[in-house]
Amino acid sequence: MTQPRLRVTVADDEVWDDPSDRQIQRLFAGLNARRHFLVLERLDVPEGEVGQHYLQIALHDDLTLLLEYRDGSAIAHHRAEVSVPSDQGGADLVVPVMLDWAAGRPGWRTALPWVHWDAERECPWGDRR
């Protein structure tokens, strides 16, 4: 049996290994006030880097979105805000980024205005990786 290369975890600790694009889209569509975030994590990285390659999406109360990605070290830790509510077009901006990141396709890095993440100043999930 092969090891999973991608894992998706939703706020209520529901976990999916190697989900299809359709499953990822459904998990994103299921975000709400109680299930307000999901994490896509790469598992096909060197052993010492597991937990350091991920894309997180958080749904704010006003349905705007915060995305965060990390590609290894803290230097490669970024975030982007999507100020368009998810039900008014924000999902159309986020879903392609999510799917392209999960598949390792190019283009997702230029789809949103990413800025460097400063964990000392901002940490909406309460932990500082």
N, C-alpha and C. Protein backbone atom coordinates (compact mmCIF):
# COMPACT_ATOMS: atom_id res chain seq x y z
N MET A 1 0.84 -1.18 0.00
CA MET A 1 0.00 0.00 0.00
C MET A 1 0.89 1.25 0.00
N THR A 2 0.59 2.20 -0.84
CA THR A 2 1.40 3.41 -0.91
C THR A 2 0.94 4.42 0.14
N GLN A 3 1.88 5.24 0.54
CA GLN A 3 1.58 6.28 1.51
C GLN A 3 0.82 7.41 0.82
N PRO A 4 -0.11 8.06 1.52
CA PRO A 4 -0.81 9.20 0.92
C PRO A 4 0.16 10.34 0.65
N ARG A 5 -0.13 11.11 -0.39
CA ARG A 5 0.72 12.26 -0.70
C ARG A 5 0.09 13.57 -0.26
N LEU A 6 -1.23 13.53 0.00
CA LEU A 6 -1.95 14.73 0.40
C LEU A 6 -2.99 14.36 1.45
N ARG A 7 -3.12 15.22 2.45
CA ARG A 7 -4.14 15.00 3.48
C ARG A 7 -4.90 16.31 3.66
N VAL A 8 -6.21 16.19 3.76
CA VAL A 8 -7.06 17.35 4.03
C VAL A 8 -7.73 17.13 5.38
N THR A 9 -7.62 18.14 6.23
CA THR A 9 -8.26 18.11 7.55
C THR A 9 -9.20 19.29 7.65
N VAL A 10 -10.41 19.03 8.12
CA VAL A 10 -11.42 20.08 8.30
C VAL A 10 -11.49 20.41 9.78
N ALA A 11 -12.06 21.56 10.12
CA ALA A 11 -12.09 22.08 11.49
C ALA A 11 -12.59 21.07 12.51
N ASP A 12 -13.47 20.18 12.15
CA ASP A 12 -13.99 19.21 13.13
C ASP A 12 -13.17 17.93 13.15
N ASP A 13 -11.93 17.99 12.64
CA ASP A 13 -10.98 16.88 12.62
C ASP A 13 -11.35 15.76 11.66
N GLU A 14 -12.24 16.03 10.72
CA GLU A 14 -12.50 15.08 9.64
C GLU A 14 -11.27 15.08 8.74
N VAL A 15 -10.75 13.90 8.41
CA VAL A 15 -9.51 13.78 7.65
C VAL A 15 -9.75 12.96 6.39
N TRP A 16 -9.20 13.44 5.29
CA TRP A 16 -9.27 12.75 4.00
C TRP A 16 -7.86 12.59 3.46
N ASP A 17 -7.47 11.38 3.11
CA ASP A 17 -6.19 11.16 2.46
C ASP A 17 -6.38 11.05 0.96
N ASP A 18 -5.53 11.75 0.21
CA ASP A 18 -5.56 11.78 -1.25
C ASP A 18 -6.95 12.00 -1.81
N PRO A 19 -7.63 13.07 -1.37
CA PRO A 19 -8.97 13.34 -1.90
C PRO A 19 -8.91 13.77 -3.36
N SER A 20 -9.98 13.51 -4.07
CA SER A 20 -10.10 13.96 -5.46
C SER A 20 -10.40 15.46 -5.47
N ASP A 21 -10.29 16.07 -6.63
CA ASP A 21 -10.65 17.49 -6.76
C ASP A 21 -12.09 17.71 -6.30
N ARG A 22 -12.95 16.82 -6.69
CA ARG A 22 -14.38 16.94 -6.33
C ARG A 22 -14.56 16.89 -4.80
N GLN A 23 -13.84 15.99 -4.14
CA GLN A 23 -13.94 15.90 -2.68
C GLN A 23 -13.40 17.17 -2.01
N ILE A 24 -12.30 17.71 -2.54
CA ILE A 24 -11.75 18.95 -1.99
C ILE A 24 -12.77 20.08 -2.15
N GLN A 25 -13.40 20.16 -3.31
CA GLN A 25 -14.41 21.19 -3.55
C GLN A 25 -15.58 21.04 -2.58
N ARG A 26 -16.01 19.82 -2.35
CA ARG A 26 -17.13 19.58 -1.42
C ARG A 26 -16.75 19.97 0.01
N LEU A 27 -15.52 19.64 0.42
CA LEU A 27 -15.07 20.02 1.75
C LEU A 27 -15.03 21.54 1.90
N PHE A 28 -14.56 22.21 0.88
CA PHE A 28 -14.54 23.68 0.90
C PHE A 28 -15.97 24.22 0.95
N ALA A 29 -16.85 23.68 0.13
CA ALA A 29 -18.24 24.14 0.10
C ALA A 29 -18.93 23.92 1.44
N GLY A 30 -18.44 22.98 2.25
CA GLY A 30 -19.02 22.69 3.55
C GLY A 30 -18.53 23.59 4.66
N LEU A 31 -17.66 24.55 4.36
CA LEU A 31 -17.20 25.47 5.40
C LEU A 31 -18.37 26.34 5.85
N ASN A 32 -18.44 26.56 7.15
CA ASN A 32 -19.51 27.38 7.72
C ASN A 32 -19.02 27.90 9.08
N ALA A 33 -19.91 28.43 9.88
CA ALA A 33 -19.52 29.01 11.17
C ALA A 33 -18.90 27.97 12.12
N ARG A 34 -19.31 26.73 12.03
CA ARG A 34 -18.75 25.69 12.89
C ARG A 34 -17.54 25.00 12.27
N ARG A 35 -17.57 24.82 10.97
CA ARG A 35 -16.46 24.21 10.23
C ARG A 35 -15.81 25.33 9.43
N HIS A 36 -15.05 26.18 10.10
CA HIS A 36 -14.59 27.42 9.50
C HIS A 36 -13.21 27.35 8.84
N PHE A 37 -12.55 26.21 8.87
CA PHE A 37 -11.27 26.13 8.16
C PHE A 37 -11.01 24.72 7.69
N LEU A 38 -10.11 24.65 6.70
CA LEU A 38 -9.58 23.36 6.27
C LEU A 38 -8.11 23.53 5.95
N VAL A 39 -7.38 22.42 6.08
CA VAL A 39 -5.94 22.40 5.86
C VAL A 39 -5.62 21.31 4.85
N LEU A 40 -4.91 21.68 3.79
CA LEU A 40 -4.38 20.72 2.83
C LEU A 40 -2.89 20.59 3.15
N GLU A 41 -2.44 19.38 3.38
CA GLU A 41 -1.05 19.18 3.79
C GLU A 41 -0.37 18.18 2.87
N ARG A 42 0.82 18.54 2.40
CA ARG A 42 1.62 17.63 1.58
C ARG A 42 2.30 16.62 2.50
N LEU A 43 2.19 15.36 2.14
CA LEU A 43 2.84 14.30 2.89
C LEU A 43 4.00 13.70 2.11
N ASP A 44 4.11 14.06 0.83
CA ASP A 44 5.16 13.52 -0.03
C ASP A 44 6.39 14.42 -0.02
N VAL A 45 6.81 14.80 1.18
CA VAL A 45 7.98 15.66 1.37
C VAL A 45 8.98 14.90 2.23
N PRO A 46 10.23 15.36 2.30
CA PRO A 46 11.20 14.68 3.17
C PRO A 46 10.67 14.58 4.60
N GLU A 47 11.02 13.52 5.28
CA GLU A 47 10.49 13.21 6.61
C GLU A 47 10.58 14.39 7.58
N GLY A 48 11.66 15.10 7.58
CA GLY A 48 11.84 16.22 8.48
C GLY A 48 11.00 17.44 8.14
N GLU A 49 10.35 17.43 6.98
CA GLU A 49 9.55 18.57 6.55
C GLU A 49 8.05 18.32 6.62
N VAL A 50 7.65 17.15 7.09
CA VAL A 50 6.21 16.87 7.23
C VAL A 50 5.64 17.88 8.22
N GLY A 51 4.52 18.48 7.87
CA GLY A 51 3.90 19.51 8.69
C GLY A 51 4.34 20.92 8.32
N GLN A 52 5.27 21.03 7.38
CA GLN A 52 5.79 22.33 6.97
C GLN A 52 5.38 22.72 5.54
N HIS A 53 4.56 21.90 4.89
CA HIS A 53 4.10 22.17 3.52
C HIS A 53 2.58 22.06 3.52
N TYR A 54 1.92 23.21 3.55
CA TYR A 54 0.47 23.17 3.65
C TYR A 54 -0.16 24.43 3.06
N LEU A 55 -1.46 24.31 2.82
CA LEU A 55 -2.31 25.42 2.43
C LEU A 55 -3.51 25.37 3.36
N GLN A 56 -3.79 26.47 4.04
CA GLN A 56 -4.93 26.55 4.95
C GLN A 56 -5.90 27.60 4.43
N ILE A 57 -7.17 27.32 4.62
CA ILE A 57 -8.21 28.28 4.25
C ILE A 57 -9.10 28.47 5.46
N ALA A 58 -9.33 29.73 5.85
CA ALA A 58 -10.23 30.05 6.96
C ALA A 58 -11.36 30.92 6.44
N LEU A 59 -12.57 30.58 6.86
CA LEU A 59 -13.77 31.34 6.50
C LEU A 59 -14.09 32.27 7.67
N HIS A 60 -14.10 33.58 7.39
CA HIS A 60 -14.46 34.55 8.42
C HIS A 60 -15.98 34.61 8.57
N ASP A 61 -16.44 35.24 9.63
CA ASP A 61 -17.87 35.38 9.87
C ASP A 61 -18.60 36.09 8.74
N ASP A 62 -17.92 37.03 8.07
CA ASP A 62 -18.54 37.76 6.97
C ASP A 62 -18.38 37.04 5.63
N LEU A 63 -17.93 35.78 5.67
CA LEU A 63 -17.73 34.89 4.51
C LEU A 63 -16.56 35.28 3.62
N THR A 64 -15.73 36.24 4.08
CA THR A 64 -14.48 36.48 3.38
C THR A 64 -13.51 35.39 3.80
N LEU A 65 -12.39 35.29 3.10
CA LEU A 65 -11.49 34.15 3.31
C LEU A 65 -10.05 34.60 3.53
N LEU A 66 -9.37 33.82 4.34
CA LEU A 66 -7.94 34.00 4.55
C LEU A 66 -7.28 32.70 4.13
N LEU A 67 -6.27 32.81 3.29
CA LEU A 67 -5.49 31.65 2.87
C LEU A 67 -4.07 31.83 3.40
N GLU A 68 -3.47 30.73 3.74
CA GLU A 68 -2.10 30.71 4.22
C GLU A 68 -1.41 29.51 3.60
N TYR A 69 -0.20 29.71 3.11
CA TYR A 69 0.57 28.54 2.66
C TYR A 69 1.98 28.62 3.21
N ARG A 70 2.56 27.45 3.33
CA ARG A 70 3.95 27.33 3.77
C ARG A 70 4.61 26.25 2.93
N ASP A 71 5.78 26.56 2.42
CA ASP A 71 6.58 25.63 1.62
C ASP A 71 7.88 25.32 2.32
N GLY A 72 7.81 24.79 3.50
CA GLY A 72 9.02 24.45 4.25
C GLY A 72 9.27 25.44 5.36
N SER A 73 10.32 26.20 5.26
CA SER A 73 10.76 27.10 6.33
C SER A 73 9.83 28.30 6.51
N ALA A 74 10.03 29.02 7.60
CA ALA A 74 9.23 30.20 7.89
C ALA A 74 9.40 31.29 6.83
N ILE A 75 10.51 31.28 6.13
CA ILE A 75 10.73 32.25 5.07
C ILE A 75 9.72 32.06 3.94
N ALA A 76 9.27 30.83 3.75
CA ALA A 76 8.32 30.50 2.68
C ALA A 76 6.91 30.34 3.24
N HIS A 77 6.53 31.26 4.12
CA HIS A 77 5.23 31.25 4.78
C HIS A 77 4.49 32.53 4.38
N HIS A 78 3.34 32.38 3.70
CA HIS A 78 2.63 33.53 3.14
C HIS A 78 1.14 33.44 3.41
N ARG A 79 0.47 34.57 3.20
CA ARG A 79 -0.98 34.61 3.35
C ARG A 79 -1.59 35.52 2.28
N ALA A 80 -2.87 35.33 2.05
CA ALA A 80 -3.62 36.19 1.14
C ALA A 80 -5.04 36.32 1.68
N GLU A 81 -5.58 37.51 1.58
CA GLU A 81 -6.96 37.77 1.98
C GLU A 81 -7.82 37.83 0.72
N VAL A 82 -8.99 37.21 0.78
CA VAL A 82 -9.97 37.32 -0.29
C VAL A 82 -11.14 38.07 0.31
N SER A 83 -11.28 39.35 -0.05
CA SER A 83 -12.30 40.21 0.56
C SER A 83 -13.68 40.04 -0.06
N VAL A 84 -13.77 39.25 -1.11
CA VAL A 84 -15.06 38.96 -1.73
C VAL A 84 -15.67 37.78 -0.97
N PRO A 85 -16.88 37.92 -0.42
CA PRO A 85 -17.49 36.79 0.30
C PRO A 85 -17.54 35.54 -0.57
N SER A 86 -17.38 34.41 0.07
CA SER A 86 -17.30 33.15 -0.68
C SER A 86 -18.55 32.88 -1.48
N ASP A 87 -19.71 33.35 -1.00
CA ASP A 87 -20.96 33.11 -1.73
C ASP A 87 -21.24 34.17 -2.80
N GLN A 88 -20.31 35.12 -2.96
CA GLN A 88 -20.47 36.18 -3.96
C GLN A 88 -19.28 36.23 -4.92
N GLY A 89 -18.60 35.13 -5.08
CA GLY A 89 -17.49 35.06 -6.01
C GLY A 89 -16.15 34.73 -5.38
N GLY A 90 -16.05 34.84 -4.06
CA GLY A 90 -14.80 34.51 -3.40
C GLY A 90 -14.39 33.06 -3.62
N ALA A 91 -15.37 32.17 -3.63
CA ALA A 91 -15.07 30.75 -3.87
C ALA A 91 -14.48 30.55 -5.26
N ASP A 92 -14.92 31.35 -6.22
CA ASP A 92 -14.38 31.24 -7.58
C ASP A 92 -12.90 31.62 -7.63
N LEU A 93 -12.44 32.43 -6.69
CA LEU A 93 -11.04 32.79 -6.62
C LEU A 93 -10.23 31.74 -5.86
N VAL A 94 -10.82 31.17 -4.83
CA VAL A 94 -10.10 30.27 -3.93
C VAL A 94 -10.02 28.84 -4.45
N VAL A 95 -11.10 28.32 -4.98
CA VAL A 95 -11.13 26.91 -5.39
C VAL A 95 -10.03 26.57 -6.40
N PRO A 96 -9.83 27.36 -7.45
CA PRO A 96 -8.73 27.02 -8.37
C PRO A 96 -7.36 27.02 -7.70
N VAL A 97 -7.12 27.94 -6.78
CA VAL A 97 -5.85 27.99 -6.06
C VAL A 97 -5.68 26.71 -5.26
N MET A 98 -6.73 26.31 -4.55
CA MET A 98 -6.69 25.10 -3.75
C MET A 98 -6.39 23.87 -4.60
N LEU A 99 -7.11 23.73 -5.69
CA LEU A 99 -6.96 22.54 -6.54
C LEU A 99 -5.60 22.52 -7.23
N ASP A 100 -5.14 23.68 -7.69
CA ASP A 100 -3.82 23.73 -8.33
C ASP A 100 -2.72 23.44 -7.33
N TRP A 101 -2.84 23.98 -6.12
CA TRP A 101 -1.84 23.69 -5.08
C TRP A 101 -1.83 22.20 -4.79
N ALA A 102 -2.99 21.60 -4.61
CA ALA A 102 -3.08 20.18 -4.26
C ALA A 102 -2.47 19.31 -5.35
N ALA A 103 -2.66 19.68 -6.61
CA ALA A 103 -2.15 18.89 -7.73
C ALA A 103 -0.72 19.24 -8.10
N GLY A 104 -0.17 20.29 -7.48
CA GLY A 104 1.19 20.70 -7.82
C GLY A 104 1.28 21.40 -9.17
N ARG A 105 0.17 21.96 -9.61
CA ARG A 105 0.16 22.67 -10.90
C ARG A 105 0.64 24.10 -10.70
N PRO A 106 1.31 24.65 -11.71
CA PRO A 106 1.78 26.04 -11.60
C PRO A 106 0.61 27.01 -11.72
N GLY A 107 0.84 28.24 -11.32
CA GLY A 107 -0.16 29.28 -11.49
C GLY A 107 -0.84 29.72 -10.21
N TRP A 108 -0.91 28.86 -9.22
CA TRP A 108 -1.64 29.23 -8.01
C TRP A 108 -0.95 30.36 -7.24
N ARG A 109 0.37 30.44 -7.34
CA ARG A 109 1.11 31.49 -6.62
C ARG A 109 0.82 32.89 -7.15
N THR A 110 0.44 32.99 -8.40
CA THR A 110 0.18 34.31 -8.99
C THR A 110 -1.31 34.64 -9.04
N ALA A 111 -2.15 33.73 -8.57
CA ALA A 111 -3.60 33.95 -8.64
C ALA A 111 -4.12 34.89 -7.55
N LEU A 112 -3.36 35.04 -6.46
CA LEU A 112 -3.76 35.90 -5.35
C LEU A 112 -2.58 36.77 -4.94
N PRO A 113 -2.85 37.89 -4.28
CA PRO A 113 -1.76 38.77 -3.81
C PRO A 113 -1.18 38.28 -2.48
N TRP A 114 -0.25 37.37 -2.53
CA TRP A 114 0.35 36.78 -1.33
C TRP A 114 1.32 37.76 -0.68
N VAL A 115 1.33 37.79 0.64
CA VAL A 115 2.31 38.57 1.40
C VAL A 115 2.95 37.64 2.42
N HIS A 116 4.15 37.99 2.84
CA HIS A 116 4.87 37.17 3.82
C HIS A 116 4.08 37.14 5.13
N TRP A 117 3.99 35.96 5.73
CA TRP A 117 3.28 35.77 6.99
C TRP A 117 4.22 36.08 8.14
N ASP A 118 3.80 36.96 9.03
CA ASP A 118 4.57 37.30 10.22
C ASP A 118 3.86 36.70 11.43
N ALA A 119 4.32 35.55 11.88
CA ALA A 119 3.65 34.81 12.96
C ALA A 119 3.67 35.56 14.28
N GLU A 120 4.59 36.47 14.45
CA GLU A 120 4.62 37.25 15.70
C GLU A 120 3.46 38.24 15.75
N ARG A 121 3.00 38.71 14.60
CA ARG A 121 1.92 39.70 14.56
C ARG A 121 0.55 39.10 14.32
N GLU A 122 0.49 38.00 13.59
CA GLU A 122 -0.82 37.50 13.17
C GLU A 122 -0.85 35.98 13.25
N CYS A 123 -1.82 35.48 13.92
CA CYS A 123 -1.93 34.04 14.07
C CYS A 123 -3.38 33.67 14.37
N PRO A 124 -4.26 33.70 13.38
CA PRO A 124 -5.69 33.48 13.64
C PRO A 124 -6.02 32.08 14.14
N TRP A 125 -5.14 31.11 13.93
CA TRP A 125 -5.44 29.76 14.37
C TRP A 125 -4.89 29.46 15.76
N GLY A 126 -4.20 30.40 16.35
CA GLY A 126 -3.76 30.23 17.72
C GLY A 126 -2.46 29.48 17.91
N ASP A 127 -1.85 28.96 16.87
CA ASP A 127 -0.56 28.30 17.05
C ASP A 127 0.46 28.95 16.15
N ARG A 128 1.69 28.87 16.54
CA ARG A 128 2.76 29.50 15.76
C ARG A 128 3.69 28.43 15.29
N ARG A 129 3.48 27.98 14.08
CA ARG A 129 4.30 26.90 13.52
C ARG A 129 5.65 27.43 13.11
